[in-house]
């Protein structure tokens, strides 16, 4: 019995790297990835600030929200970048850059 979960998932786009390392994935972040990361962080900081108004802990609440936003935004950008390198998301720019 084959228990390899990745065996049944076939990439729809050209594969650049089947198992991209951390440094390559982060180096592959594009403008949209950074925009998403900063947007998620900004929204989280705002929500943290607003949720801390009533108990009068705006500062710590805002910092906590910001940290959660940075981590979540980074994970979302990382997932998109790795997906493009592995061929699961549209990757025309990456194919042109890495297949020279």
N, C-alpha and C. Protein backbone atom coordinates (compact mmCIF):
# COMPACT_ATOMS: atom_id res chain seq x y z
N UNK A 1 0.84 -1.18 0.00
CA UNK A 1 0.00 0.00 0.00
C UNK A 1 0.88 1.24 0.00
N UNK A 2 0.63 2.14 -0.93
CA UNK A 2 1.41 3.37 -1.04
C UNK A 2 0.83 4.42 -0.09
N UNK A 3 1.63 4.84 0.88
CA UNK A 3 1.17 5.84 1.85
C UNK A 3 1.76 7.21 1.58
N UNK A 4 2.46 7.37 0.46
CA UNK A 4 3.05 8.66 0.10
C UNK A 4 1.95 9.58 -0.38
N UNK A 5 1.66 10.62 0.40
CA UNK A 5 0.55 11.51 0.09
C UNK A 5 0.83 12.35 -1.16
N UNK A 6 2.09 12.64 -1.45
CA UNK A 6 2.42 13.47 -2.60
C UNK A 6 2.35 12.71 -3.91
N UNK A 7 2.25 11.40 -3.85
CA UNK A 7 2.23 10.60 -5.08
C UNK A 7 0.96 10.84 -5.88
N UNK A 8 -0.14 11.20 -5.23
CA UNK A 8 -1.39 11.35 -5.94
C UNK A 8 -1.63 12.78 -6.45
N UNK A 9 -0.80 13.73 -6.05
CA UNK A 9 -0.99 15.12 -6.45
C UNK A 9 -0.03 15.44 -7.59
N UNK A 10 -0.61 15.82 -8.73
CA UNK A 10 0.21 16.14 -9.90
C UNK A 10 0.20 17.65 -10.13
N UNK A 11 1.37 18.26 -10.28
CA UNK A 11 1.42 19.70 -10.55
C UNK A 11 0.82 20.02 -11.92
N UNK A 12 0.12 21.15 -12.00
CA UNK A 12 -0.50 21.57 -13.25
C UNK A 12 0.43 22.41 -14.10
N UNK A 13 1.48 22.95 -13.51
CA UNK A 13 2.39 23.87 -14.20
C UNK A 13 3.80 23.28 -14.19
N UNK A 14 4.73 23.84 -14.96
CA UNK A 14 6.10 23.30 -14.99
C UNK A 14 6.73 23.33 -13.61
N UNK A 15 7.40 22.23 -13.26
CA UNK A 15 8.07 22.10 -11.97
C UNK A 15 9.47 22.68 -12.09
N UNK A 16 9.79 23.61 -11.21
CA UNK A 16 11.13 24.20 -11.18
C UNK A 16 11.99 23.49 -10.15
N UNK A 17 11.40 23.22 -8.99
CA UNK A 17 12.12 22.52 -7.91
C UNK A 17 11.08 21.73 -7.13
N UNK A 18 11.23 20.40 -7.11
CA UNK A 18 10.25 19.56 -6.43
C UNK A 18 10.24 19.76 -4.93
N UNK A 19 11.40 20.08 -4.35
CA UNK A 19 11.53 20.27 -2.91
C UNK A 19 12.40 21.50 -2.67
N UNK A 20 11.85 22.71 -2.84
CA UNK A 20 12.68 23.91 -2.76
C UNK A 20 13.17 24.17 -1.33
N UNK A 21 14.45 24.50 -1.19
CA UNK A 21 14.96 24.83 0.16
C UNK A 21 14.42 26.17 0.63
N UNK A 22 14.54 26.41 1.93
CA UNK A 22 14.01 27.63 2.54
C UNK A 22 14.56 28.88 1.87
N UNK A 23 15.87 28.96 1.69
CA UNK A 23 16.49 30.16 1.13
C UNK A 23 16.00 30.44 -0.30
N UNK A 24 15.85 29.40 -1.10
CA UNK A 24 15.38 29.59 -2.48
C UNK A 24 13.93 30.04 -2.50
N UNK A 25 13.13 29.49 -1.60
CA UNK A 25 11.72 29.86 -1.55
C UNK A 25 11.55 31.32 -1.14
N UNK A 26 12.30 31.76 -0.13
CA UNK A 26 12.21 33.15 0.32
C UNK A 26 12.77 34.08 -0.75
N UNK A 27 13.84 33.67 -1.42
CA UNK A 27 14.41 34.50 -2.49
C UNK A 27 13.45 34.62 -3.68
N UNK A 28 12.51 33.69 -3.79
CA UNK A 28 11.55 33.68 -4.89
C UNK A 28 10.32 34.54 -4.61
N UNK A 29 10.23 35.17 -3.43
CA UNK A 29 9.09 36.04 -3.14
C UNK A 29 8.99 37.12 -4.21
N UNK A 30 7.79 37.36 -4.71
CA UNK A 30 7.60 38.43 -5.68
C UNK A 30 6.89 39.62 -5.01
N UNK A 31 6.60 40.64 -5.78
CA UNK A 31 5.99 41.85 -5.23
C UNK A 31 4.64 41.56 -4.59
N UNK A 32 3.86 40.71 -5.21
CA UNK A 32 2.55 40.37 -4.65
C UNK A 32 2.68 39.65 -3.31
N UNK A 33 3.69 38.80 -3.17
CA UNK A 33 3.92 38.13 -1.89
C UNK A 33 4.23 39.13 -0.79
N UNK A 34 5.10 40.09 -1.09
CA UNK A 34 5.43 41.12 -0.10
C UNK A 34 4.23 42.00 0.19
N UNK A 35 3.43 42.27 -0.81
CA UNK A 35 2.23 43.07 -0.61
C UNK A 35 1.24 42.34 0.30
N UNK A 36 1.06 41.06 0.08
CA UNK A 36 0.17 40.26 0.93
C UNK A 36 0.69 40.21 2.36
N UNK A 37 1.99 40.00 2.52
CA UNK A 37 2.60 39.94 3.84
C UNK A 37 2.36 41.25 4.59
N UNK A 38 2.63 42.36 3.94
CA UNK A 38 2.46 43.66 4.61
C UNK A 38 0.99 43.98 4.87
N UNK A 39 0.10 43.57 3.99
CA UNK A 39 -1.34 43.81 4.20
C UNK A 39 -1.86 43.01 5.37
N UNK A 40 -1.50 41.75 5.44
CA UNK A 40 -1.94 40.91 6.57
C UNK A 40 -1.39 41.46 7.88
N UNK A 41 -0.13 41.92 7.86
CA UNK A 41 0.46 42.49 9.07
C UNK A 41 -0.27 43.77 9.48
N UNK A 42 -0.53 44.65 8.52
CA UNK A 42 -1.20 45.91 8.84
C UNK A 42 -2.61 45.68 9.38
N UNK A 43 -3.34 44.76 8.80
CA UNK A 43 -4.69 44.47 9.28
C UNK A 43 -4.61 43.89 10.69
N UNK A 44 -3.65 43.02 10.94
CA UNK A 44 -3.51 42.42 12.27
C UNK A 44 -3.14 43.44 13.33
N UNK A 45 -2.26 44.38 12.99
CA UNK A 45 -1.90 45.43 13.94
C UNK A 45 -3.14 46.28 14.27
N UNK A 46 -3.90 46.61 13.25
CA UNK A 46 -5.12 47.40 13.45
C UNK A 46 -6.13 46.66 14.32
N UNK A 47 -6.34 45.39 14.02
CA UNK A 47 -7.28 44.60 14.82
C UNK A 47 -6.78 44.48 16.25
N UNK A 48 -5.48 44.29 16.43
CA UNK A 48 -4.92 44.23 17.78
C UNK A 48 -5.13 45.52 18.55
N UNK A 49 -4.92 46.64 17.89
CA UNK A 49 -5.13 47.93 18.54
C UNK A 49 -6.59 48.12 18.93
N UNK A 50 -7.48 47.84 18.00
CA UNK A 50 -8.90 48.04 18.26
C UNK A 50 -9.43 47.08 19.33
N UNK A 51 -8.91 45.87 19.37
CA UNK A 51 -9.38 44.92 20.38
C UNK A 51 -8.82 45.25 21.77
N UNK A 52 -7.79 46.08 21.85
CA UNK A 52 -7.23 46.44 23.15
C UNK A 52 -7.75 47.74 23.70
N UNK A 53 -8.68 48.40 23.02
CA UNK A 53 -9.19 49.69 23.49
C UNK A 53 -10.01 49.54 24.77
N UNK A 54 -10.93 48.60 24.79
CA UNK A 54 -11.83 48.46 25.93
C UNK A 54 -11.09 48.08 27.23
N UNK A 55 -10.22 47.07 27.20
CA UNK A 55 -9.52 46.75 28.46
C UNK A 55 -8.31 47.66 28.71
N UNK A 56 -8.10 48.66 27.85
CA UNK A 56 -7.01 49.63 27.99
C UNK A 56 -5.62 48.98 27.94
N UNK A 57 -5.45 48.05 27.01
CA UNK A 57 -4.14 47.43 26.77
C UNK A 57 -3.80 47.52 25.28
N UNK A 58 -3.96 48.71 24.73
CA UNK A 58 -3.77 48.90 23.29
C UNK A 58 -2.37 48.51 22.84
N UNK A 59 -1.34 48.94 23.55
CA UNK A 59 0.04 48.67 23.13
C UNK A 59 0.37 47.19 23.04
N UNK A 60 0.24 46.44 24.15
CA UNK A 60 0.55 45.01 24.08
C UNK A 60 -0.34 44.25 23.10
N UNK A 61 -1.60 44.65 23.02
CA UNK A 61 -2.52 43.99 22.09
C UNK A 61 -2.11 44.25 20.64
N UNK A 62 -1.66 45.48 20.37
CA UNK A 62 -1.23 45.84 19.02
C UNK A 62 0.05 45.08 18.64
N UNK A 63 0.99 44.96 19.57
CA UNK A 63 2.23 44.22 19.30
C UNK A 63 1.93 42.75 19.05
N UNK A 64 1.08 42.18 19.88
CA UNK A 64 0.71 40.77 19.70
C UNK A 64 0.03 40.55 18.36
N UNK A 65 -0.90 41.42 18.02
CA UNK A 65 -1.55 41.31 16.71
C UNK A 65 -0.57 41.45 15.57
N UNK A 66 0.39 42.37 15.72
CA UNK A 66 1.41 42.54 14.69
C UNK A 66 2.28 41.31 14.51
N UNK A 67 2.68 40.69 15.62
CA UNK A 67 3.51 39.48 15.54
C UNK A 67 2.74 38.34 14.87
N UNK A 68 1.48 38.21 15.24
CA UNK A 68 0.66 37.17 14.61
C UNK A 68 0.50 37.47 13.12
N UNK A 69 0.32 38.73 12.77
CA UNK A 69 0.18 39.11 11.36
C UNK A 69 1.45 38.86 10.56
N UNK A 70 2.61 39.18 11.14
CA UNK A 70 3.88 38.94 10.44
C UNK A 70 4.08 37.45 10.19
N UNK A 71 3.82 36.64 11.22
CA UNK A 71 3.98 35.19 11.05
C UNK A 71 3.00 34.63 10.03
N UNK A 72 1.74 35.03 10.13
CA UNK A 72 0.73 34.55 9.19
C UNK A 72 1.00 35.02 7.77
N UNK A 73 1.38 36.29 7.62
CA UNK A 73 1.68 36.82 6.30
C UNK A 73 2.89 36.14 5.68
N UNK A 74 3.92 35.89 6.51
CA UNK A 74 5.10 35.20 5.99
C UNK A 74 4.75 33.78 5.55
N UNK A 75 3.96 33.08 6.35
CA UNK A 75 3.59 31.70 5.98
C UNK A 75 2.76 31.67 4.69
N UNK A 76 1.89 32.66 4.52
CA UNK A 76 1.07 32.73 3.31
C UNK A 76 1.95 33.02 2.08
N UNK A 77 2.88 33.97 2.22
CA UNK A 77 3.79 34.28 1.11
C UNK A 77 4.69 33.09 0.81
N UNK A 78 5.17 32.41 1.84
CA UNK A 78 6.03 31.24 1.66
C UNK A 78 5.28 30.13 0.93
N UNK A 79 4.03 29.91 1.32
CA UNK A 79 3.22 28.88 0.67
C UNK A 79 3.04 29.18 -0.81
N UNK A 80 2.75 30.43 -1.14
CA UNK A 80 2.57 30.80 -2.54
C UNK A 80 3.87 30.66 -3.34
N UNK A 81 4.99 31.09 -2.75
CA UNK A 81 6.27 31.01 -3.43
C UNK A 81 6.67 29.55 -3.66
N UNK A 82 6.53 28.72 -2.63
CA UNK A 82 6.86 27.30 -2.77
C UNK A 82 5.93 26.63 -3.77
N UNK A 83 4.67 27.00 -3.76
CA UNK A 83 3.71 26.43 -4.72
C UNK A 83 4.07 26.75 -6.16
N UNK A 84 4.56 27.97 -6.40
CA UNK A 84 4.99 28.32 -7.75
C UNK A 84 6.23 27.53 -8.15
N UNK A 85 7.17 27.35 -7.24
CA UNK A 85 8.38 26.59 -7.56
C UNK A 85 8.07 25.12 -7.80
N UNK A 86 7.09 24.58 -7.07
CA UNK A 86 6.74 23.16 -7.22
C UNK A 86 5.74 22.91 -8.33
N UNK A 87 5.24 23.97 -8.97
CA UNK A 87 4.34 23.81 -10.11
C UNK A 87 2.88 23.71 -9.76
N UNK A 88 2.49 24.07 -8.56
CA UNK A 88 1.08 23.99 -8.17
C UNK A 88 0.32 25.29 -8.43
N UNK A 89 1.02 26.39 -8.60
CA UNK A 89 0.41 27.68 -8.90
C UNK A 89 1.01 28.21 -10.20
N UNK A 90 0.32 29.11 -10.90
CA UNK A 90 0.87 29.66 -12.15
C UNK A 90 2.26 30.26 -11.91
N UNK A 91 3.22 29.91 -12.78
CA UNK A 91 4.62 30.29 -12.53
C UNK A 91 5.38 30.70 -13.79
N UNK A 92 4.74 31.47 -14.64
CA UNK A 92 5.40 31.88 -15.88
C UNK A 92 6.68 32.67 -15.61
N UNK A 93 6.64 33.58 -14.65
CA UNK A 93 7.82 34.38 -14.33
C UNK A 93 8.97 33.54 -13.79
N UNK A 94 8.66 32.57 -12.95
CA UNK A 94 9.69 31.70 -12.39
C UNK A 94 10.30 30.81 -13.47
N UNK A 95 9.46 30.31 -14.38
CA UNK A 95 9.98 29.46 -15.46
C UNK A 95 10.95 30.25 -16.31
N UNK A 96 10.61 31.49 -16.64
CA UNK A 96 11.49 32.33 -17.44
C UNK A 96 12.78 32.65 -16.70
N UNK A 97 12.72 32.85 -15.40
CA UNK A 97 13.89 33.22 -14.62
C UNK A 97 14.82 32.03 -14.37
N UNK A 98 14.28 30.86 -14.04
CA UNK A 98 15.13 29.74 -13.66
C UNK A 98 15.49 28.80 -14.81
N UNK A 99 14.83 28.88 -15.92
CA UNK A 99 15.11 27.97 -17.05
C UNK A 99 15.97 28.59 -18.12
N UNK A 100 16.79 29.58 -17.75
CA UNK A 100 17.65 30.25 -18.74
C UNK A 100 18.77 29.36 -19.19
